[in-house]
Amino acid sequence: MSEKIGILAIGHGSRLPYSNQVVTELANMISEKHPEYVIKIGFVEHSEPTVEEALMSFKGTGVTKIAATPVFMASGVHLTEDIPGFLKLDPETNEGEIEFDGQNVKIVYAKPLGSDRLIADIIFKRAQEAL
């Protein structure tokens, strides 16, 4: 059996629609470029779907592994405590498992965006646009 991968893009969530829209747009861009993946979006607070609701939305998609990927710049309490708790991850491995349709689906947890040359390029681009 070949793997079918899901990506759960996790945003902070906001009462301001634009903040949530950015996460949705990024997830849509990934989906367009990589249609072989099942992409879902969840939010930590102030927005829906929640992380737990988004995780459950993979049911029936046939995914065999889910990469829970925070759309956050750096680690903080949401990334170290809240999200792992929502996903019921093992604190030693940062991995977990959920059962969908009689199949065990592995959950792996990605790191935050962090410092990356691509992000530095975007920051420089925004500075140039402002100038």
C-alpha atoms as a PDB file:
ATOM      1  CA  MET A   1       0.000   0.000   0.000  1.00  0.00           C
ATOM      2  CA  SER A   2       1.410   3.384  -0.948  1.00  0.00           C
ATOM      3  CA  GLU A   3       1.212   6.290   1.420  1.00  0.00           C
ATOM      4  CA  LYS A   4      -1.327   9.048   1.005  1.00  0.00           C
ATOM      5  CA  ILE A   5      -0.125  12.093   2.897  1.00  0.00           C
ATOM      6  CA  GLY A   6      -2.180  14.757   4.589  1.00  0.00           C
ATOM      7  CA  ILE A   7      -0.868  18.130   5.654  1.00  0.00           C
ATOM      8  CA  LEU A   8      -2.586  19.926   8.512  1.00  0.00           C
ATOM      9  CA  ALA A   9      -1.627  23.602   8.276  1.00  0.00           C
ATOM     10  CA  ILE A  10      -2.075  25.081  11.747  1.00  0.00           C
ATOM     11  CA  GLY A  11      -2.552  28.817  12.176  1.00  0.00           C
ATOM     12  CA  HIS A  12      -2.849  30.822  15.372  1.00  0.00           C
ATOM     13  CA  GLY A  13      -6.330  32.070  14.587  1.00  0.00           C
ATOM     14  CA  SER A  14      -7.638  35.591  14.904  1.00  0.00           C
ATOM     15  CA  ARG A  15     -10.865  37.529  15.194  1.00  0.00           C
ATOM     16  CA  LEU A  16      -9.596  39.447  12.152  1.00  0.00           C
ATOM     17  CA  PRO A  17     -10.587  37.617   8.960  1.00  0.00           C
ATOM     18  CA  TYR A  18      -7.453  38.661   7.034  1.00  0.00           C
ATOM     19  CA  SER A  19      -5.137  36.846   9.439  1.00  0.00           C
ATOM     20  CA  ASN A  20      -7.011  33.584   8.919  1.00  0.00           C
ATOM     21  CA  GLN A  21      -7.275  34.188   5.192  1.00  0.00           C
ATOM     22  CA  VAL A  22      -3.470  34.233   4.902  1.00  0.00           C
ATOM     23  CA  VAL A  23      -3.250  30.691   6.325  1.00  0.00           C
ATOM     24  CA  THR A  24      -6.058  29.565   4.008  1.00  0.00           C
ATOM     25  CA  GLU A  25      -4.351  31.104   0.972  1.00  0.00           C
ATOM     26  CA  LEU A  26      -1.029  29.471   1.838  1.00  0.00           C
ATOM     27  CA  ALA A  27      -2.739  26.080   2.216  1.00  0.00           C
ATOM     28  CA  ASN A  28      -4.489  26.591  -1.131  1.00  0.00           C
ATOM     29  CA  MET A  29      -1.151  27.389  -2.795  1.00  0.00           C
ATOM     30  CA  ILE A  30       0.314  24.159  -1.430  1.00  0.00           C
ATOM     31  CA  SER A  31      -2.725  22.228  -2.615  1.00  0.00           C
ATOM     32  CA  GLU A  32      -2.491  23.687  -6.124  1.00  0.00           C
ATOM     33  CA  LYS A  33       1.205  22.868  -6.405  1.00  0.00           C
ATOM     34  CA  HIS A  34       0.920  19.426  -4.756  1.00  0.00           C
ATOM     35  CA  PRO A  35      -2.536  18.002  -5.590  1.00  0.00           C
ATOM     36  CA  GLU A  36      -1.449  14.517  -4.495  1.00  0.00           C
ATOM     37  CA  TYR A  37      -1.572  15.701  -0.847  1.00  0.00           C
ATOM     38  CA  VAL A  38      -4.714  16.235   1.211  1.00  0.00           C
ATOM     39  CA  ILE A  39      -4.474  19.692   2.774  1.00  0.00           C
ATOM     40  CA  LYS A  40      -6.559  20.810   5.751  1.00  0.00           C
ATOM     41  CA  ILE A  41      -6.440  23.932   7.913  1.00  0.00           C
ATOM     42  CA  GLY A  42      -6.979  24.313  11.660  1.00  0.00           C
ATOM     43  CA  PHE A  43      -6.583  27.114  14.161  1.00  0.00           C
ATOM     44  CA  VAL A  44      -5.391  27.182  17.761  1.00  0.00           C
ATOM     45  CA  GLU A  45      -7.828  29.862  18.962  1.00  0.00           C
ATOM     46  CA  HIS A  46     -10.405  32.484  17.931  1.00  0.00           C
ATOM     47  CA  SER A  47     -11.234  30.686  14.660  1.00  0.00           C
ATOM     48  CA  GLU A  48     -12.693  27.582  13.126  1.00  0.00           C
ATOM     49  CA  PRO A  49     -12.075  24.911  12.335  1.00  0.00           C
ATOM     50  CA  THR A  50     -10.119  24.136  15.470  1.00  0.00           C
ATOM     51  CA  VAL A  51      -7.017  21.956  15.272  1.00  0.00           C
ATOM     52  CA  GLU A  52      -9.051  18.995  16.558  1.00  0.00           C
ATOM     53  CA  GLU A  53     -11.873  19.594  14.045  1.00  0.00           C
ATOM     54  CA  ALA A  54      -9.397  19.904  11.191  1.00  0.00           C
ATOM     55  CA  LEU A  55      -7.683  16.681  12.252  1.00  0.00           C
ATOM     56  CA  MET A  56     -11.016  14.856  12.235  1.00  0.00           C
ATOM     57  CA  SER A  57     -11.769  16.219   8.744  1.00  0.00           C
ATOM     58  CA  PHE A  58      -9.130  13.833   7.353  1.00  0.00           C
ATOM     59  CA  LYS A  59     -11.559  10.985   8.077  1.00  0.00           C
ATOM     60  CA  GLY A  60     -12.663   9.387   4.831  1.00  0.00           C
ATOM     61  CA  THR A  61      -9.803  10.855   2.774  1.00  0.00           C
ATOM     62  CA  GLY A  62      -7.677   7.718   2.839  1.00  0.00           C
ATOM     63  CA  VAL A  63      -4.614   9.427   4.294  1.00  0.00           C
ATOM     64  CA  THR A  64      -2.065   7.112   5.876  1.00  0.00           C
ATOM     65  CA  LYS A  65       0.125   9.817   7.459  1.00  0.00           C
ATOM     66  CA  ILE A  66      -0.493  13.423   8.509  1.00  0.00           C
ATOM     67  CA  ALA A  67       2.158  16.120   8.822  1.00  0.00           C
ATOM     68  CA  ALA A  68       0.846  18.665  11.334  1.00  0.00           C
ATOM     69  CA  THR A  69       2.627  21.832  10.258  1.00  0.00           C
ATOM     70  CA  PRO A  70       2.435  25.062  12.263  1.00  0.00           C
ATOM     71  CA  VAL A  71       2.274  28.268  10.259  1.00  0.00           C
ATOM     72  CA  PHE A  72       4.151  30.135  12.999  1.00  0.00           C
ATOM     73  CA  MET A  73       7.513  31.869  12.840  1.00  0.00           C
ATOM     74  CA  ALA A  74       8.925  30.528  16.101  1.00  0.00           C
ATOM     75  CA  SER A  75       8.199  28.112  18.891  1.00  0.00           C
ATOM     76  CA  GLY A  76       6.159  29.165  21.907  1.00  0.00           C
ATOM     77  CA  VAL A  77       3.562  27.742  24.272  1.00  0.00           C
ATOM     78  CA  HIS A  78       1.090  27.017  21.464  1.00  0.00           C
ATOM     79  CA  LEU A  79       3.696  24.962  19.629  1.00  0.00           C
ATOM     80  CA  THR A  80       5.273  23.251  22.612  1.00  0.00           C
ATOM     81  CA  GLU A  81       2.156  22.550  24.688  1.00  0.00           C
ATOM     82  CA  ASP A  82      -1.196  23.399  23.108  1.00  0.00           C
ATOM     83  CA  ILE A  83      -0.889  21.852  19.644  1.00  0.00           C
ATOM     84  CA  PRO A  84       0.846  18.661  20.848  1.00  0.00           C
ATOM     85  CA  GLY A  85      -1.978  18.362  23.401  1.00  0.00           C
ATOM     86  CA  PHE A  86      -4.697  18.840  20.783  1.00  0.00           C
ATOM     87  CA  LEU A  87      -3.061  16.169  18.610  1.00  0.00           C
ATOM     88  CA  LYS A  88      -2.299  13.878  21.578  1.00  0.00           C
ATOM     89  CA  LEU A  89       1.353  13.611  20.584  1.00  0.00           C
ATOM     90  CA  ASP A  90       3.895  11.615  22.555  1.00  0.00           C
ATOM     91  CA  PRO A  91       6.077  14.240  24.289  1.00  0.00           C
ATOM     92  CA  GLU A  92       9.214  12.155  23.711  1.00  0.00           C
ATOM     93  CA  THR A  93       8.780  11.674  19.954  1.00  0.00           C
ATOM     94  CA  ASN A  94       6.408  14.503  18.954  1.00  0.00           C
ATOM     95  CA  GLU A  95       4.464  11.873  17.040  1.00  0.00           C
ATOM     96  CA  GLY A  96       1.034  10.405  17.471  1.00  0.00           C
ATOM     97  CA  GLU A  97      -1.591   8.230  15.906  1.00  0.00           C
ATOM     98  CA  ILE A  98      -5.291   8.403  15.178  1.00  0.00           C
ATOM     99  CA  GLU A  99      -7.673   5.793  13.839  1.00  0.00           C
ATOM    100  CA  PHE A 100      -9.718   6.571  10.730  1.00  0.00           C
ATOM    101  CA  ASP A 101     -11.933   4.024   9.049  1.00  0.00           C
ATOM    102  CA  GLY A 102     -10.253   1.120  10.853  1.00  0.00           C
ATOM    103  CA  GLN A 103      -6.741   2.246   9.882  1.00  0.00           C
ATOM    104  CA  ASN A 104      -4.080   3.718  12.154  1.00  0.00           C
ATOM    105  CA  VAL A 105      -2.875   7.019  10.734  1.00  0.00           C
ATOM    106  CA  LYS A 106       0.476   8.331  11.947  1.00  0.00           C
ATOM    107  CA  ILE A 107       0.762  12.000  12.899  1.00  0.00           C
ATOM    108  CA  VAL A 108       4.154  13.708  12.655  1.00  0.00           C
ATOM    109  CA  TYR A 109       4.772  17.241  13.887  1.00  0.00           C
ATOM    110  CA  ALA A 110       6.767  19.724  11.835  1.00  0.00           C
ATOM    111  CA  LYS A 111       8.877  22.568  13.184  1.00  0.00           C
ATOM    112  CA  PRO A 112       7.805  26.230  12.912  1.00  0.00           C
ATOM    113  CA  LEU A 113       8.971  28.281   9.937  1.00  0.00           C
ATOM    114  CA  GLY A 114      12.016  29.572  11.807  1.00  0.00           C
ATOM    115  CA  SER A 115      14.870  31.378  10.129  1.00  0.00           C
ATOM    116  CA  ASP A 116      15.155  30.370   6.508  1.00  0.00           C
ATOM    117  CA  ARG A 117      16.666  32.059   3.475  1.00  0.00           C
ATOM    118  CA  LEU A 118      13.295  31.981   1.692  1.00  0.00           C
ATOM    119  CA  ILE A 119      11.703  33.947   4.527  1.00  0.00           C
ATOM    120  CA  ALA A 120      14.635  36.378   4.558  1.00  0.00           C
ATOM    121  CA  ASP A 121      14.070  36.907   0.822  1.00  0.00           C
ATOM    122  CA  ILE A 122      10.394  37.683   1.452  1.00  0.00           C
ATOM    123  CA  ILE A 123      11.279  40.189   4.195  1.00  0.00           C
ATOM    124  CA  PHE A 124      13.748  41.885   1.855  1.00  0.00           C
ATOM    125  CA  LYS A 125      11.122  41.903  -0.914  1.00  0.00           C
ATOM    126  CA  ARG A 126       8.599  43.605   1.400  1.00  0.00           C
ATOM    127  CA  ALA A 127      11.211  46.197   2.398  1.00  0.00           C
ATOM    128  CA  GLN A 128      11.912  46.912  -1.277  1.00  0.00           C
ATOM    129  CA  GLU A 129       8.194  47.269  -1.968  1.00  0.00           C
ATOM    130  CA  ALA A 130       7.885  49.775   0.873  1.00  0.00           C
ATOM    131  CA  LEU A 131      10.841  51.779  -0.421  1.00  0.00           C
END
